[in-house]
Amino acid sequence: MYVHMNYKKLWIKLAEQEIGKVEFRKRVDLSPNTITKLNKNEEVSMQIILRICKFLRCNIDEIGDVVFEEE
């Protein structure tokens, strides 16, 4: 079984708050590589997830979902 994160909720939340990806990256102090990983629904560290949640004042489940797929 393949498990990964889907960050669609993150992008929706940013759009609702009218925060662009460049502004988001700078304000949360994320590297361009981290933004690329988030865009591709790839793994990022828990430290990054917590920084994003702190910035948005939200819980983890408000920025992403765990997706289970059969291999």
Protein backbone atom coordinates (compact mmCIF):
# COMPACT_ATOMS: atom_id res chain seq x y z
CA MET A 1 0.00 0.00 0.00
CA TYR A 2 1.28 3.46 -0.94
CA VAL A 3 0.59 6.34 1.46
CA HIS A 4 1.13 10.03 0.73
CA MET A 5 -0.14 13.47 1.61
CA ASN A 6 -2.43 15.61 -0.49
CA TYR A 7 -2.06 19.34 0.21
CA LYS A 8 -5.07 20.53 -1.80
CA LYS A 9 -6.62 21.95 1.39
CA LEU A 10 -3.52 24.10 1.92
CA TRP A 11 -3.86 25.76 -1.49
CA ILE A 12 -7.59 26.32 -0.95
CA LYS A 13 -6.94 27.86 2.47
CA LEU A 14 -4.31 30.20 1.01
CA ALA A 15 -6.66 31.24 -1.79
CA GLU A 16 -9.46 31.93 0.71
CA GLN A 17 -7.10 34.17 2.65
CA GLU A 18 -5.85 35.77 -0.58
CA ILE A 19 -2.25 34.75 0.06
CA GLY A 20 -0.18 33.92 -3.02
CA LYS A 21 2.40 31.15 -3.06
CA VAL A 22 5.35 33.55 -3.24
CA GLU A 23 4.10 35.59 -0.29
CA PHE A 24 3.34 32.36 1.61
CA ARG A 25 6.84 30.99 0.95
CA LYS A 26 8.49 34.19 2.17
CA ARG A 27 6.30 34.67 5.25
CA VAL A 28 6.73 31.07 6.42
CA ASP A 29 10.41 31.07 5.38
CA LEU A 30 10.12 28.05 3.10
CA SER A 31 12.65 27.16 0.44
CA PRO A 32 11.62 26.97 -3.21
CA ASN A 33 12.31 23.22 -3.01
CA THR A 34 9.80 22.85 -0.17
CA ILE A 35 7.12 24.67 -2.17
CA THR A 36 7.85 22.31 -5.07
CA LYS A 37 7.43 19.31 -2.77
CA LEU A 38 4.13 20.67 -1.47
CA ASN A 39 2.95 21.30 -5.03
CA LYS A 40 3.79 17.70 -5.94
CA ASN A 41 2.21 16.31 -2.73
CA GLU A 42 5.59 14.98 -1.64
CA GLU A 43 6.78 14.46 1.92
CA VAL A 44 7.99 17.44 3.94
CA SER A 45 9.18 17.42 7.54
CA MET A 46 6.84 17.72 10.49
CA GLN A 47 8.71 20.91 11.41
CA ILE A 48 7.59 22.45 8.10
CA ILE A 49 4.00 21.28 8.61
CA LEU A 50 3.96 22.82 12.09
CA ARG A 51 5.36 26.14 10.80
CA ILE A 52 2.62 26.24 8.18
CA CYS A 53 -0.03 25.48 10.81
CA LYS A 54 1.37 28.17 13.09
CA PHE A 55 1.27 30.71 10.27
CA LEU A 56 -2.30 29.80 9.28
CA ARG A 57 -3.39 29.18 12.90
CA CYS A 58 -4.89 25.83 11.99
CA ASN A 59 -4.67 22.11 12.67
CA ILE A 60 -2.82 19.70 10.40
CA ASP A 61 -6.05 18.22 9.02
CA GLU A 62 -6.97 21.67 7.70
CA ILE A 63 -4.03 21.74 5.28
CA GLY A 64 -3.84 18.18 4.02
CA ASP A 65 -5.14 14.66 3.86
CA VAL A 66 -3.45 11.28 4.07
CA VAL A 67 -4.15 9.29 0.90
CA PHE A 68 -3.95 5.50 0.79
CA GLU A 69 -3.47 3.83 -2.59
CA GLU A 70 -3.04 0.21 -3.57
CA GLU A 71 0.21 -0.49 -5.37
